[in-house]
Amino acid sequence: MVFDYLADEEKYLLPLNKNYRKLIRGNYKIIYRVADKEIWIENLFESRLEPIEMVKNL
């Protein structure tokens, strides 16, 4: 896949060791990870909230 690692790693999720990436659009973060040849969208997070809320929802 060409675009699978285009986005930055999400630093708040690094301790989970699942290589989560983030795309930011407006006030939202799309949290995704790549597994084999698939892209899994794990969370849609309103970035105005505290980052701990993002971790709780995974």
N, C-alpha and C. Protein backbone atom coordinates (compact mmCIF):
# COMPACT_ATOMS: atom_id res chain seq x y z
N MET A 1 0.84 -1.18 0.00
CA MET A 1 0.00 0.00 0.00
C MET A 1 0.88 1.24 0.00
N VAL A 2 0.46 2.20 -0.72
CA VAL A 2 1.26 3.42 -0.86
C VAL A 2 1.07 4.35 0.32
N PHE A 3 -0.12 4.49 0.82
CA PHE A 3 -0.42 5.51 1.82
C PHE A 3 -0.52 4.99 3.25
N ASP A 4 -0.22 3.73 3.48
CA ASP A 4 -0.47 3.15 4.80
C ASP A 4 0.33 3.79 5.92
N TYR A 5 1.54 4.24 5.67
CA TYR A 5 2.36 4.86 6.71
C TYR A 5 2.59 6.35 6.44
N LEU A 6 1.69 6.96 5.72
CA LEU A 6 1.80 8.37 5.37
C LEU A 6 1.71 9.27 6.60
N ALA A 7 0.86 8.92 7.54
CA ALA A 7 0.62 9.76 8.72
C ALA A 7 1.65 9.49 9.82
N ASP A 8 1.72 10.42 10.77
CA ASP A 8 2.63 10.29 11.91
C ASP A 8 2.10 9.27 12.91
N GLU A 9 3.02 8.72 13.70
CA GLU A 9 2.62 7.86 14.80
C GLU A 9 1.92 8.71 15.87
N GLU A 10 0.95 8.13 16.54
CA GLU A 10 0.27 8.82 17.63
C GLU A 10 1.06 8.60 18.91
N LYS A 11 1.71 9.64 19.40
CA LYS A 11 2.63 9.51 20.54
C LYS A 11 1.94 9.03 21.82
N TYR A 12 0.67 9.36 22.01
CA TYR A 12 -0.03 8.93 23.22
C TYR A 12 -0.32 7.43 23.23
N LEU A 13 -0.24 6.80 22.06
CA LEU A 13 -0.56 5.38 21.96
C LEU A 13 0.68 4.51 21.75
N LEU A 14 1.86 5.10 21.74
CA LEU A 14 3.09 4.33 21.56
C LEU A 14 3.27 3.20 22.57
N PRO A 15 2.90 3.39 23.85
CA PRO A 15 3.07 2.28 24.81
C PRO A 15 2.26 1.02 24.48
N LEU A 16 1.26 1.15 23.63
CA LEU A 16 0.45 -0.02 23.27
C LEU A 16 1.12 -0.90 22.22
N ASN A 17 2.19 -0.42 21.61
CA ASN A 17 2.98 -1.19 20.64
C ASN A 17 2.17 -1.76 19.48
N LYS A 18 1.23 -1.00 18.97
CA LYS A 18 0.44 -1.46 17.83
C LYS A 18 0.61 -0.56 16.61
N ASN A 19 1.58 0.34 16.67
CA ASN A 19 1.90 1.21 15.54
C ASN A 19 0.70 2.04 15.08
N TYR A 20 0.00 2.65 16.00
CA TYR A 20 -1.13 3.51 15.67
C TYR A 20 -0.64 4.77 14.98
N ARG A 21 -1.37 5.19 13.95
CA ARG A 21 -1.08 6.40 13.20
C ARG A 21 -2.26 7.35 13.32
N LYS A 22 -2.02 8.62 13.00
CA LYS A 22 -3.11 9.60 13.10
C LYS A 22 -3.16 10.46 11.85
N LEU A 23 -4.36 10.75 11.44
CA LEU A 23 -4.64 11.75 10.42
C LEU A 23 -5.51 12.80 11.08
N ILE A 24 -5.21 14.06 10.86
CA ILE A 24 -5.96 15.14 11.49
C ILE A 24 -6.74 15.88 10.42
N ARG A 25 -8.01 16.06 10.69
CA ARG A 25 -8.90 16.81 9.80
C ARG A 25 -9.77 17.70 10.67
N GLY A 26 -9.55 19.00 10.61
CA GLY A 26 -10.32 19.93 11.45
C GLY A 26 -10.02 19.65 12.91
N ASN A 27 -11.07 19.43 13.71
CA ASN A 27 -10.92 19.13 15.13
C ASN A 27 -10.90 17.64 15.43
N TYR A 28 -10.71 16.82 14.42
CA TYR A 28 -10.78 15.38 14.61
C TYR A 28 -9.48 14.68 14.24
N LYS A 29 -9.19 13.61 14.96
CA LYS A 29 -8.08 12.72 14.64
C LYS A 29 -8.69 11.38 14.23
N ILE A 30 -8.20 10.84 13.14
CA ILE A 30 -8.55 9.49 12.74
C ILE A 30 -7.37 8.62 13.17
N ILE A 31 -7.62 7.70 14.06
CA ILE A 31 -6.58 6.81 14.56
C ILE A 31 -6.71 5.49 13.81
N TYR A 32 -5.60 5.06 13.18
CA TYR A 32 -5.64 3.81 12.43
C TYR A 32 -4.35 3.04 12.65
N ARG A 33 -4.38 1.77 12.25
CA ARG A 33 -3.19 0.94 12.28
C ARG A 33 -3.20 0.06 11.05
N VAL A 34 -2.03 -0.41 10.69
CA VAL A 34 -1.89 -1.28 9.52
C VAL A 34 -1.59 -2.69 10.01
N ALA A 35 -2.35 -3.65 9.54
CA ALA A 35 -2.13 -5.06 9.87
C ALA A 35 -2.13 -5.84 8.56
N ASP A 36 -1.00 -6.46 8.28
CA ASP A 36 -0.81 -7.16 7.00
C ASP A 36 -1.03 -6.17 5.86
N LYS A 37 -2.01 -6.40 5.03
CA LYS A 37 -2.28 -5.48 3.92
C LYS A 37 -3.58 -4.74 4.12
N GLU A 38 -4.02 -4.64 5.36
CA GLU A 38 -5.27 -3.95 5.67
C GLU A 38 -5.02 -2.75 6.57
N ILE A 39 -5.85 -1.75 6.40
CA ILE A 39 -5.82 -0.58 7.27
C ILE A 39 -7.07 -0.63 8.14
N TRP A 40 -6.86 -0.60 9.46
CA TRP A 40 -7.96 -0.67 10.42
C TRP A 40 -8.15 0.70 11.06
N ILE A 41 -9.32 1.28 10.90
CA ILE A 41 -9.63 2.53 11.58
C ILE A 41 -10.09 2.16 12.98
N GLU A 42 -9.33 2.60 13.97
CA GLU A 42 -9.58 2.21 15.36
C GLU A 42 -10.42 3.22 16.13
N ASN A 43 -10.33 4.50 15.75
CA ASN A 43 -11.01 5.51 16.54
C ASN A 43 -11.13 6.79 15.74
N LEU A 44 -12.22 7.50 15.94
CA LEU A 44 -12.40 8.86 15.46
C LEU A 44 -12.50 9.71 16.72
N PHE A 45 -11.54 10.58 16.92
CA PHE A 45 -11.37 11.26 18.20
C PHE A 45 -11.45 12.76 18.02
N GLU A 46 -12.28 13.41 18.82
CA GLU A 46 -12.34 14.88 18.79
C GLU A 46 -11.11 15.40 19.53
N SER A 47 -10.23 16.06 18.82
CA SER A 47 -8.92 16.43 19.37
C SER A 47 -8.97 17.55 20.41
N ARG A 48 -10.13 18.14 20.64
CA ARG A 48 -10.24 19.14 21.70
C ARG A 48 -10.38 18.49 23.08
N LEU A 49 -10.59 17.18 23.12
CA LEU A 49 -10.70 16.44 24.38
C LEU A 49 -9.31 16.07 24.89
N GLU A 50 -9.24 15.62 26.12
CA GLU A 50 -7.98 15.19 26.72
C GLU A 50 -7.51 13.89 26.05
N PRO A 51 -6.22 13.76 25.78
CA PRO A 51 -5.71 12.55 25.12
C PRO A 51 -6.01 11.25 25.87
N ILE A 52 -6.16 11.29 27.17
CA ILE A 52 -6.48 10.08 27.93
C ILE A 52 -7.80 9.47 27.46
N GLU A 53 -8.71 10.31 26.99
CA GLU A 53 -9.99 9.82 26.47
C GLU A 53 -9.80 8.98 25.22
N MET A 54 -8.80 9.32 24.43
CA MET A 54 -8.50 8.57 23.22
C MET A 54 -8.03 7.16 23.59
N VAL A 55 -7.20 7.06 24.60
CA VAL A 55 -6.67 5.78 25.03
C VAL A 55 -7.78 4.92 25.61
N LYS A 56 -8.68 5.50 26.35
CA LYS A 56 -9.78 4.75 26.96
C LYS A 56 -10.67 4.08 25.92
N ASN A 57 -10.81 4.69 24.75
CA ASN A 57 -11.73 4.20 23.73
C ASN A 57 -11.15 3.14 22.81
N LEU A 58 -9.92 2.73 23.04
CA LEU A 58 -9.34 1.70 22.17
C LEU A 58 -9.57 0.33 22.69
